[in-house]
Amino acid sequence: MTKCNTSLVQFPRCKRRKVEAHFGGGAVSSDGGVLLLRQVDRRLGLTAGVAAALGDERRQASCEHDVRSLVRQRVYALALGYEDLNDHQTLRGDPGLQTAVERDAPLASSPTLCRWENRADRDAAWAIHQVLVERFIASYQHPPRGLVLDFDAMDDVVHGNQEGRFFHGYYDHYCFLPLYVFCGSQLLVSYLRPSSADPARHVWAILALLVKRLRQAWPGVEIVFRGDSQFCRWRVLAWCERHGVGYIVGLAKNSRVQAQAADLVAAARAGFVATGEKQRLFADLVYAAETWDKPRRVIAKAEHGALVSCHVSSVG
């Protein structure tokens, strides 16, 4: 049987409420982890920064819940896996979530959260992203030598008839196609888009804005743009070259690249036959699609092993 060495864990008080975690009480809340999330958020100041950036134009005399409480309630619930606003009809009375939001009374109802979310517009999205980027910059005590900006488009499954939903052939379901930008483990951009849009939509503009702000903070920083083949657009690559931004971008396989890499593929196959060990070989190629403005360097990788037949992948 598991032996618990610590019988009592104390958290900061919430108004008149004393907050403790121990192993002798009943199951009051099934989401005790939200208290740890609250501690992390208090240290980072993320939801407080977002609330301050959003402001509040409502008639305050008629408002029971301030913007900071609304932001925390919605964000914490999402982190716990409660995506639907309907969940808050029950969650608003959960003592764990109430404490995390720093209230000792019922939280906002689903209709209140719905009305508040529907007030969000382009300016609100811009303000939230400014907070994310500024928090990222503030997380460095010293200027970094280099940064790698990872761009990725991922499917966000849609289960109802939400506005803007489309069927995506690659993912084989109805979804949105948000664009995310990470630097290491930190999120810089979360941009919701319909799945009918070009996966590279607005990538160029977002990259330019990020590079401009990061170089304002750190003039000498080296920046690398990284993404898979859906972002391999020559205009984006040309912009990177003009502005001193490195790039590592996937290149979709095609017959011309396969033909140039034929000797590499043969060498990988021969090496596996001779040694019985998995082979992974690399080679530099020069390639340009008909629509490109000029040829560019491509790194081809050929692999052959017992479980992997010989194939080629390439990076521009």
Protein backbone atom coordinates (compact mmCIF):
# COMPACT_ATOMS: atom_id res chain seq x y z
CA MET A 1 0.00 0.00 0.00
CA THR A 2 1.25 3.48 -0.85
CA LYS A 3 2.48 5.41 2.19
CA CYS A 4 2.01 9.16 2.09
CA ASN A 5 4.91 10.94 3.80
CA THR A 6 3.14 14.31 3.83
CA SER A 7 -0.23 14.38 5.57
CA LEU A 8 -1.03 18.04 4.94
CA VAL A 9 -0.24 20.49 2.13
CA GLN A 10 -1.16 24.12 2.64
CA PHE A 11 -1.90 26.65 -0.11
CA PRO A 12 -2.29 30.45 0.15
CA ARG A 13 -5.63 31.56 1.55
CA CYS A 14 -8.45 32.69 -0.73
CA LYS A 15 -10.27 35.55 1.00
CA ARG A 16 -11.94 33.94 4.05
CA ARG A 17 -11.31 30.40 2.81
CA LYS A 18 -8.48 28.26 4.17
CA VAL A 19 -7.02 26.00 1.48
CA GLU A 20 -5.52 22.63 2.43
CA ALA A 21 -4.81 19.33 0.69
CA HIS A 22 -4.78 16.21 2.82
CA PHE A 23 -5.61 12.52 2.59
CA GLY A 24 -8.16 12.25 5.34
CA GLY A 25 -11.12 14.12 3.88
CA GLY A 26 -13.82 13.29 1.41
CA ALA A 27 -13.81 13.90 -2.36
CA VAL A 28 -14.93 17.52 -2.40
CA SER A 29 -13.53 18.35 -5.86
CA SER A 30 -12.27 16.03 -8.57
CA ASP A 31 -10.05 18.75 -10.05
CA GLY A 32 -7.53 19.48 -7.31
CA GLY A 33 -4.80 19.99 -9.90
CA VAL A 34 -6.30 23.38 -10.72
CA LEU A 35 -4.74 24.70 -7.48
CA LEU A 36 -1.29 23.90 -8.81
CA LEU A 37 -2.23 25.61 -12.07
CA ARG A 38 -3.28 28.64 -10.05
CA GLN A 39 0.14 28.78 -8.40
CA VAL A 40 1.93 28.65 -11.77
CA ASP A 41 -0.32 31.35 -13.19
CA ARG A 42 0.24 33.59 -10.17
CA ARG A 43 3.99 33.30 -10.67
CA LEU A 44 3.81 33.98 -14.44
CA GLY A 45 1.08 36.60 -14.21
CA LEU A 46 -0.34 35.37 -17.53
CA THR A 47 -4.10 35.61 -16.97
CA ALA A 48 -3.64 38.88 -15.07
CA GLY A 49 -1.71 40.28 -18.04
CA VAL A 50 -4.34 39.11 -20.52
CA ALA A 51 -7.16 40.60 -18.43
CA ALA A 52 -5.34 43.94 -18.22
CA ALA A 53 -4.74 43.96 -21.98
CA LEU A 54 -8.39 43.20 -22.79
CA GLY A 55 -9.85 45.88 -20.59
CA ASP A 56 -13.53 46.02 -19.67
CA GLU A 57 -16.04 48.30 -21.40
CA ARG A 58 -19.07 46.83 -19.64
CA ARG A 59 -21.28 48.85 -17.29
CA GLN A 60 -19.53 47.97 -14.05
CA ALA A 61 -22.56 48.57 -11.83
CA SER A 62 -24.25 45.62 -13.55
CA CYS A 63 -21.26 43.28 -13.51
CA GLU A 64 -20.76 40.68 -10.80
CA HIS A 65 -17.69 39.06 -12.38
CA ASP A 66 -14.65 41.08 -13.43
CA VAL A 67 -12.59 40.30 -16.53
CA ARG A 68 -9.75 38.70 -14.58
CA SER A 69 -12.15 36.20 -13.00
CA LEU A 70 -13.73 35.42 -16.37
CA VAL A 71 -10.35 34.86 -18.01
CA ARG A 72 -9.18 32.59 -15.21
CA GLN A 73 -12.41 30.63 -15.07
CA ARG A 74 -12.37 29.92 -18.81
CA VAL A 75 -8.63 29.24 -19.12
CA TYR A 76 -8.42 27.00 -16.06
CA ALA A 77 -11.44 24.99 -17.17
CA LEU A 78 -9.92 24.51 -20.63
CA ALA A 79 -6.69 23.30 -19.02
CA LEU A 80 -8.73 20.78 -17.03
CA GLY A 81 -10.35 19.47 -20.22
CA TYR A 82 -13.71 21.26 -19.99
CA GLU A 83 -14.05 22.77 -23.46
CA ASP A 84 -17.80 23.38 -23.57
CA LEU A 85 -19.39 26.40 -21.95
CA ASN A 86 -22.23 24.15 -20.79
CA ASP A 87 -19.77 22.52 -18.38
CA HIS A 88 -19.70 25.72 -16.36
CA GLN A 89 -23.27 25.26 -15.20
CA THR A 90 -21.77 22.67 -12.83
CA LEU A 91 -18.20 23.96 -12.61
CA ARG A 92 -19.29 27.38 -11.34
CA GLY A 93 -20.09 25.70 -8.02
CA ASP A 94 -16.91 23.62 -7.82
CA PRO A 95 -14.90 24.75 -4.75
CA GLY A 96 -11.58 23.86 -6.39
CA LEU A 97 -12.18 26.06 -9.44
CA GLN A 98 -13.68 28.81 -7.28
CA THR A 99 -10.55 28.87 -5.14
CA ALA A 100 -8.27 28.92 -8.18
CA VAL A 101 -10.19 31.90 -9.55
CA GLU A 102 -9.88 33.47 -6.07
CA ARG A 103 -13.57 33.61 -5.29
CA ASP A 104 -15.54 31.97 -2.49
CA ALA A 105 -18.88 32.30 -4.28
CA PRO A 106 -20.44 30.86 -7.46
CA LEU A 107 -18.52 31.68 -10.63
CA ALA A 108 -19.91 33.03 -13.90
CA SER A 109 -22.67 31.07 -15.61
CA SER A 110 -22.50 29.65 -19.13
CA PRO A 111 -24.59 32.53 -20.63
CA THR A 112 -22.35 35.11 -18.96
CA LEU A 113 -19.20 33.47 -20.35
CA CYS A 114 -20.84 33.16 -23.78
CA ARG A 115 -21.73 36.85 -23.93
CA TRP A 116 -18.24 37.81 -22.79
CA GLU A 117 -16.52 35.57 -25.37
CA ASN A 118 -18.68 36.90 -28.20
CA ARG A 119 -17.41 40.41 -27.47
CA ALA A 120 -13.91 39.33 -28.55
CA ASP A 121 -12.72 40.75 -31.87
CA ARG A 122 -9.51 41.18 -33.87
CA ASP A 123 -8.22 43.79 -31.41
CA ALA A 124 -8.70 41.38 -28.52
CA ALA A 125 -6.77 38.65 -30.33
CA TRP A 126 -3.98 41.12 -31.07
CA ALA A 127 -3.82 42.20 -27.41
CA ILE A 128 -3.64 38.60 -26.16
CA HIS A 129 -0.79 37.78 -28.54
CA GLN A 130 1.10 40.87 -27.45
CA VAL A 131 0.96 39.53 -23.90
CA LEU A 132 2.25 36.13 -25.02
CA VAL A 133 5.18 37.62 -26.95
CA GLU A 134 6.11 40.10 -24.22
CA ARG A 135 6.01 37.35 -21.58
CA PHE A 136 8.29 35.27 -23.81
CA ILE A 137 10.79 38.10 -24.11
CA ALA A 138 10.67 38.76 -20.37
CA SER A 139 11.42 35.09 -19.63
CA TYR A 140 15.06 35.63 -20.74
CA GLN A 141 17.45 37.17 -18.24
CA HIS A 142 20.08 37.56 -20.96
CA PRO A 143 19.68 37.97 -24.75
CA PRO A 144 19.63 34.57 -26.48
CA ARG A 145 22.14 33.84 -29.23
CA GLY A 146 19.56 32.19 -31.44
CA LEU A 147 15.85 31.36 -31.66
CA VAL A 148 14.02 28.71 -33.69
CA LEU A 149 10.42 29.60 -34.54
CA ASP A 150 8.42 26.41 -35.14
CA PHE A 151 5.36 26.90 -37.35
CA ASP A 152 2.76 24.15 -37.45
CA ALA A 153 -0.84 23.81 -38.62
CA MET A 154 -2.89 21.21 -36.73
CA ASP A 155 -6.44 19.97 -36.94
CA ASP A 156 -8.98 21.00 -34.31
CA VAL A 157 -11.85 18.52 -34.61
CA VAL A 158 -15.38 19.94 -34.86
CA HIS A 159 -18.24 17.80 -33.55
CA GLY A 160 -21.16 20.14 -34.23
CA ASN A 161 -22.28 22.62 -36.86
CA GLN A 162 -19.99 25.45 -35.82
CA GLU A 163 -19.60 28.39 -38.14
CA GLY A 164 -16.54 28.03 -40.37
CA ARG A 165 -16.26 24.25 -40.18
CA PHE A 166 -15.13 22.39 -43.30
CA PHE A 167 -14.21 18.81 -44.14
CA HIS A 168 -10.46 18.28 -44.50
CA GLY A 169 -9.43 15.45 -46.79
CA TYR A 170 -6.04 14.81 -45.18
CA TYR A 171 -7.41 14.53 -41.62
CA ASP A 172 -10.64 12.88 -42.84
CA HIS A 173 -13.02 14.84 -40.61
CA TYR A 174 -14.60 18.23 -40.08
CA CYS A 175 -12.23 20.58 -38.31
CA PHE A 176 -10.61 23.96 -38.01
CA LEU A 177 -6.95 24.37 -38.99
CA PRO A 178 -5.29 26.64 -36.41
CA LEU A 179 -1.73 27.83 -36.88
CA TYR A 180 0.64 27.58 -33.91
CA VAL A 181 4.06 29.14 -33.46
CA PHE A 182 6.31 27.84 -30.69
CA CYS A 183 9.82 28.79 -29.64
CA GLY A 184 11.05 25.90 -27.57
CA SER A 185 8.19 25.08 -25.20
CA GLN A 186 6.69 28.58 -25.22
CA LEU A 187 3.65 29.45 -27.31
CA LEU A 188 3.88 32.70 -29.29
CA VAL A 189 0.95 32.45 -31.70
CA SER A 190 -2.36 30.56 -31.74
CA TYR A 191 -4.32 31.59 -34.82
CA LEU A 192 -7.70 29.95 -35.49
CA ARG A 193 -8.47 29.40 -39.19
CA PRO A 194 -11.03 27.38 -41.18
CA SER A 195 -9.70 24.13 -42.61
CA SER A 196 -10.64 25.29 -46.12
CA ALA A 197 -7.85 27.88 -45.95
CA ASP A 198 -4.36 27.47 -47.35
CA PRO A 199 -2.20 25.94 -44.56
CA ALA A 200 0.37 28.68 -45.24
CA ARG A 201 -2.20 31.46 -44.96
CA HIS A 202 -0.69 34.55 -43.26
CA VAL A 203 2.49 32.68 -42.33
CA TRP A 204 4.58 35.32 -44.09
CA ALA A 205 2.92 38.21 -42.21
CA ILE A 206 3.12 36.48 -38.82
CA LEU A 207 6.78 35.61 -39.32
CA ALA A 208 7.58 39.20 -40.29
CA LEU A 209 5.82 40.60 -37.20
CA LEU A 210 7.59 38.17 -34.86
CA VAL A 211 11.01 38.83 -36.37
CA LYS A 212 10.50 42.60 -36.11
CA ARG A 213 9.54 42.49 -32.42
CA LEU A 214 12.22 39.95 -31.42
CA ARG A 215 14.94 41.99 -33.12
CA GLN A 216 13.71 45.12 -31.39
CA ALA A 217 14.31 43.34 -28.09
CA TRP A 218 17.52 41.57 -29.17
CA PRO A 219 19.13 43.23 -32.24
CA GLY A 220 21.83 40.59 -32.64
CA VAL A 221 19.71 37.45 -32.23
CA GLU A 222 19.84 34.77 -34.95
CA ILE A 223 16.37 33.59 -35.99
CA VAL A 224 15.51 30.38 -37.82
CA PHE A 225 12.10 29.67 -39.38
CA ARG A 226 11.19 25.97 -39.21
CA GLY A 227 8.15 24.22 -40.67
CA ASP A 228 7.02 21.23 -42.67
CA SER A 229 6.42 21.05 -46.42
CA GLN A 230 3.09 22.91 -46.33
CA PHE A 231 5.05 26.09 -45.58
CA CYS A 232 7.59 25.62 -48.36
CA ARG A 233 6.62 28.67 -50.43
CA TRP A 234 9.35 30.42 -52.36
CA ARG A 235 8.07 33.88 -51.45
CA VAL A 236 8.45 33.04 -47.75
CA LEU A 237 11.93 31.62 -48.37
CA ALA A 238 12.90 34.68 -50.40
CA TRP A 239 11.71 36.97 -47.58
CA CYS A 240 13.87 35.03 -45.12
CA GLU A 241 16.89 35.41 -47.38
CA ARG A 242 16.38 39.16 -47.76
CA HIS A 243 16.01 39.70 -44.01
CA GLY A 244 18.75 37.41 -42.74
CA VAL A 245 16.44 34.76 -41.32
CA GLY A 246 17.57 31.15 -41.61
CA TYR A 247 15.08 28.48 -42.57
CA ILE A 248 14.64 24.71 -42.35
CA VAL A 249 11.52 23.79 -44.29
CA GLY A 250 10.29 20.42 -45.44
CA LEU A 251 10.06 19.74 -49.16
CA ALA A 252 7.44 17.35 -50.49
CA LYS A 253 8.87 14.37 -52.37
CA ASN A 254 8.59 14.49 -56.14
CA SER A 255 10.05 12.69 -59.14
CA ARG A 256 12.84 15.24 -59.74
CA VAL A 257 14.12 15.03 -56.17
CA GLN A 258 13.85 11.24 -56.24
CA ALA A 259 15.86 11.13 -59.45
CA GLN A 260 18.61 13.36 -58.01
CA ALA A 261 18.76 11.17 -54.89
CA ALA A 262 18.87 7.85 -56.77
CA ASP A 263 22.56 7.26 -55.99
CA LEU A 264 21.97 8.03 -52.31
CA VAL A 265 19.09 5.57 -52.19
CA ALA A 266 21.21 2.88 -53.84
CA ALA A 267 24.04 3.47 -51.36
CA ALA A 268 21.67 3.14 -48.38
CA ARG A 269 20.23 -0.09 -49.74
CA ALA A 270 23.67 -1.53 -50.45
CA GLY A 271 24.91 -0.56 -46.99
CA PHE A 272 22.04 -2.37 -45.31
CA VAL A 273 22.55 -5.50 -47.40
CA ALA A 274 26.27 -5.51 -46.57
CA THR A 275 26.03 -4.84 -42.82
CA GLY A 276 22.49 -5.76 -41.81
CA GLU A 277 22.32 -2.47 -39.90
CA LYS A 278 19.93 0.38 -40.51
CA GLN A 279 21.38 2.98 -42.87
CA ARG A 280 20.75 6.71 -42.73
CA LEU A 281 22.59 8.76 -45.34
CA PHE A 282 22.48 12.45 -46.27
CA ALA A 283 23.39 14.40 -49.39
CA ASP A 284 23.23 18.00 -50.65
CA LEU A 285 21.12 18.65 -53.74
CA VAL A 286 20.20 21.74 -55.71
CA TYR A 287 16.53 22.02 -56.60
CA ALA A 288 14.04 24.59 -57.88
CA ALA A 289 10.38 24.12 -58.70
CA GLU A 290 9.14 25.79 -61.87
CA THR A 291 7.43 28.51 -59.83
CA TRP A 292 10.52 29.34 -57.72
CA ASP A 293 12.59 32.42 -58.35
CA LYS A 294 15.90 30.51 -58.09
CA PRO A 295 17.40 27.10 -57.16
CA ARG A 296 17.99 26.38 -53.47
CA ARG A 297 19.94 23.92 -51.41
CA VAL A 298 18.09 20.75 -50.43
CA ILE A 299 19.28 18.16 -47.92
CA ALA A 300 18.10 14.67 -48.88
CA LYS A 301 17.95 11.81 -46.37
CA ALA A 302 17.79 8.16 -47.45
CA GLU A 303 16.93 5.45 -44.92
CA HIS A 304 16.95 1.67 -45.22
CA GLY A 305 16.48 -0.87 -42.46
CA ALA A 306 14.74 -4.09 -41.51
CA LEU A 307 11.48 -2.28 -40.77
CA VAL A 308 12.01 0.68 -43.09
CA SER A 309 12.24 0.23 -46.83
CA CYS A 310 14.45 2.71 -48.57
CA HIS A 311 12.88 6.12 -48.91
CA VAL A 312 13.93 9.73 -49.34
CA SER A 313 12.91 12.80 -47.37
CA SER A 314 14.18 16.28 -48.10
CA VAL A 315 14.52 19.66 -46.44
CA GLY A 316 14.96 22.98 -48.22
